[in-house]
Amino acid sequence: MLFPFVSPSVVIAYVLRRRELVTHDGFWGRWAYVSGTAVAALTLSIVGLLIFGDPSTEGNTIGQNVAVSIFIAFTLLPSLTTYFDLQYLRRAWSHDFSFINWLWVPMMLVWFFQIIFFTAYGYWRRKFLDGKRWIKTTEDTLNKTRSQLEEGVSALESDQYDSALSCFNRAEQSLDNANAIVRRFIDESSDEYPKHAQKVISEISEMQRHIEGNRAHSEAAIALEAGLDALDDNKIESAIDSFETAIDRSETALGTVDEQATTNKIRKTSLRARNELEATLEQYIDERILPLENRIETTYEDGISALKAGNYDEAADCFSEVDDYLSELQSRVKAYGLNRDLPVDSDDVAEKMTTVERQRIVSEELDPLADQIESMYEEGVSALEAGNYEAALDRFEEAKDAIEQFQSVQANHGFDRDPPITSDEVVDQIDTVECEHERAAIESCLSRVGEARSEGKSAMGANEYDRAVTTLEHAREEFKDVSSLIAKSSLNEWDLEERESTLNELYETAVTERETQRYRDSKERGETLLDEAIASAEAGNYATAIKTCNEAHEAFEEAQAVAEELSVVGGDQIEDRLDDISDLLSDYQIRELSERVTDARVSVDEGDREQYLTAANDLDELTAELDGQEIDRERDLAVLREEAELERLKALLLAERERSIEAIEAFRDGDYATARDYFEDIQSVVAGIRADAEEAGVTDYDGVIEQLESTCERNATAARRGALGIDDDPTVTPITVSMGNRNDSSQSPDDSVSVPVATDDPASSIRRSGGASLDDALLDALPVAEVRGHIGSGGNADVYEVRLDSGERAALKVPRWQGTLSATLIDEFENEAETWSKLDEHDGIVSVINWDNEPLPWLLLEYLPASLANRMDSLSVDSGVSVLVDVADALEFAHGRGVVHLDVKPENVLLTDTDTPKVGDWGLSQVVLNHKRTGMGLTPPYSAPEQLSDEYGDIDRRTDIYQLSALAYRVLTGRVPFDADRPIDLQQQILREDPTPPSTINPALDPAIDDVLVRGLAKNPDDRYEAAVLFRNAISSLAR
């Protein structure tokens, strides 16, 4: 026992020596180990006592296991160090303990058996104490249960059933605890206490049986009292349930209780509960069953009555209530085990409900369907007899659908009732209707075919072949429908072959006649168009001639196609006509291009640099167009291309000539640097023109180009010297080049082009420097005694008031130019004079006294003191209409001679002393005859849309109609139809907007004037009046 504590004693002795508190030889040194061992043994014994104490107290199993582990550790660890401790004692005491070297083996054995002993002792002691503890606990619990059971029996004998039940419940809970303790002990322990445990279990079972019996007795008594209380409160169902519970618990109590006294008491309780139950059940039947049975019988009879009366909803409700009542009755009877027959069989009620539903279906669905079938069938028969086949077919189809619906209703509800009309009868009627309908449709188609054939014959008789062909084509389509109908039907009552043959022959005849007529019409139209083209060409209107030639060519091609198809005799002549037209077309195209080239020529005397550059660009585009022509007149095209290129180079040279004016002005103003830059730039541009001329093979302007280059070079040098201050007063060389003879750079007074000199004297414009005075020569050639003054200026002419030798006043019109007078200007002036002189026989046109082109173009006209522009604001509506009527007459006269004015405006309507209007200034008329579209001379407020845009077609007499309408608008309202600050805005208004109705501006006007002027101002020429006389008639009828 002491060996485990040697190690602590050695440790203590060693510590004392190291601290020099004791010596090996001293008393305390020798016995320090013995005292340490005793102290350690005492301490560990106390620890073991605490660990393995009385197990009667409930301890923690985990804590006990930890304590055992600690004990083993304290026991085993010293045994491992004992040998070393003894060796130390030997050295400390200086004794020879050699046996100690072999002593550790028996010490380890002693330690091993010591551990086994302590472990076995601790386990036995633990089990012994646990057994004692559970026996004590069980006995306490059982004693407590006995006390509670006795208390409950005492309360039961005193009829304190609630207290007794509470005691029995607590006793049962205590027994459950005791039983749990015993069961746990049996599971954890071995067989040391089997007999005692079985005894306890038996005692617990007996007590449980006793408690169960007494508790059931208490519950039976409580249920009996509850039933009696429920009866007092007339709660019959609750009372019955309570009595049945009392009986059931009494039976349970009798099966578990053995005491005779208790058994007798239980029987009394059970007997009383049965008696009360029987009485209560009788009351239940009287109050709960019999009234419900009476209600069932009454409601059932009501349902039968409603069914017989056809009130199916009421009958269904009654039988449904009966079914609910039967379910409730069965539930009440079954709930308490009553043996009673039902007043009405539930199967009978279900059958009655089925009968109601079937009768309802018959009444609500089948009967209406039957009536509908009969009605539809009768309507179908009536429609068939009346020949209304579509209606008959619809009625029979509806009857067929109704029969199918009738049969579907029967099938769904299991009825066996036939419809009033069978499906076979309806199908037979449908077949009959379809057959009759097909026959009627065929007869109708044949009738339409016959009518179309008759109409076709009639049209052919009237030479209306297009209508005949169209009608007969329709007849053929109808005939195809007839054939299709007969093929689909079973009818074969008509001979279609003969009818079809006759119809086809008639159709082919109509087609042949139509094509023959088309051939004749195309040929005649071609001849007419060809004549028109020739007439237009003779009048110089080549664009119209080209257009008309193309239309004629198309007409003859159409005639040729028809001739080839019909093998018309003489059809080969059409080919000759086509060849003639092709030749004419080529000729007209060349002429039209020639005019365009001629018109594109630039004037040497008129224009600024921008105009010349624009002309050059236009000529460049015209040259490109000439290159793209496919006319078989290549030589002519080459000449035109050469001419266009010459004019383009001429325009470029003139543009640089105009720029030289600015250079000379800068030079003269002393701005030598700017002048130098101008001259050098002009020299560079002219070099480029030289390159273009060489590339095109043009040598006509070599002298002009050379002179321009040399003069610009001299002037640039002079300007450079002036800019450098070398020359105080440098001299500029005037640029004077000849454009008349392109290969000769020499100058003459007649064909030179000089820098223009400004003048402030309008009359001096008829005088030109170089040679004799032209105005003097002109006056010498005219019967003019005096030039009285300058009247005005037009686009390219000046007008002067003169007095003739006869004393008569007249107007002299001469062209306005600078430098040499161009051939183009002379031609235009001559055209105007010729055109005007052909028209002056009319009283409404200014008269031409005389005209000539020597020594320069001049035109001597009737002198009129005023124009409409001066007096139109003071005119009344009637006076204004009168003026417009006279102007319309003058225009109609001109139109009749193929001349259109194109510049009708107030300034060109002159007035005599008696305010008789006369139309003057026919300068633009020749332009239209030559098909030129140009902006020269246009007056924007009075310009027609086609004068501003190609979108609205060609210029013709309807252009004058527009301008006349614009003039009428101004005279009658005091305003022009369109007005804007910017020319581009004014042009857009003319092209896109509608004028304000005149009557809204001048209330004095008849509102009907609006339609007249709006029509005259229509954008599309086709929508205007075709002739001035029509406008005159329309407006004159509105004068008030």
Foldseek 3Di string as FASTA:
>chain_A
DLQLQQVQQLVVLVVCVVVPVDALPDPCSLCSSVVSSVVVVVVVVVLVCVLLDQVLDPDDPVVSVVSLVVNLCSLPVSLVCSLVSVVVNCVSNVHDDVCSVVPSVVSVVVSVVVSVVVVVVSVVNNVVSVVVNLVVVLVVLLVVLVVLQVVLVVCVVVVVLVSSLVSLVVSLVSLVVSVVSLVVCPVPDDVPPPPVSVVSVVVSVLSNLSSLLSNLLSLLSVLQVQLVVCVVVVVLVSNLVSLVSSLVSLVSNCVRDDDPVSNVVSVVSNVVSVVVNVVSVVVCCVPPPVVLLVLLVVLQVVLVVCVVVLVLVSNLVSLVVSLVSVVVNVCVCVVNVHDDDRSDDNVVSVVSNLVSVVSCCCVPPQVVLLVLLVVLQVQLVVCVVVVVLVSNLVSLVVSLVSQVVNVVSCVVSVHDDHRPDDNVVSVVSNVVSVQSVLVVLLVVLVVLLVVLQVVLVVCVVVLVLVSSLVSLVVSVVSLVVSVVSCVVDVDDDDDSPVVNVVSVVSNVVSVLSVLVVLLVVLQVLLVVLQVVLVVLVVLQNLVSSLVSLVSSLVSLVSSLVSCVVNVDPPSVVSVVVNVVSLVVNLVSVLSLLVVVLVVLADDLWDDALVVLQVSLVVLVVSLVVLVVDPRPPVVSSVVSNVSSLLRSLVSNLSSLLRLLVVLVVCVVVLVLVVSLVSLVVSLVVLVVSVVVCVVVVHQLQVLVSVLSNVLSVVSSVQSVCSVVVVDVRGDHDFRKAFPPRSNDGDDDQAGIRGDFDDDDDPVCQQFDDDPDTRVVQVPVVFQFDAFDAWDADALFWTKTWTAGVVRAIKIKIFGGTGRHGDPVVQVLLVVQQVLLQVQQVDPQAWHWPDWDQPVHTMTITHDFDFWQVVCLVVDDLLRLLVQLLSVLVSQLSSVVVVWAQQADARRQFGAHPVGRTHGYDSSCRVVVSNQDQDPRRHDLLQFALVSVDCVQPGDGNLRVLSSSLQRSLCSQQVDGQFDDPDSVVSSCCLQPNFGDQRCVRPVVFDSVVSVLSSQSSDNHSVSHDPGSVVSSVSSNVRRD
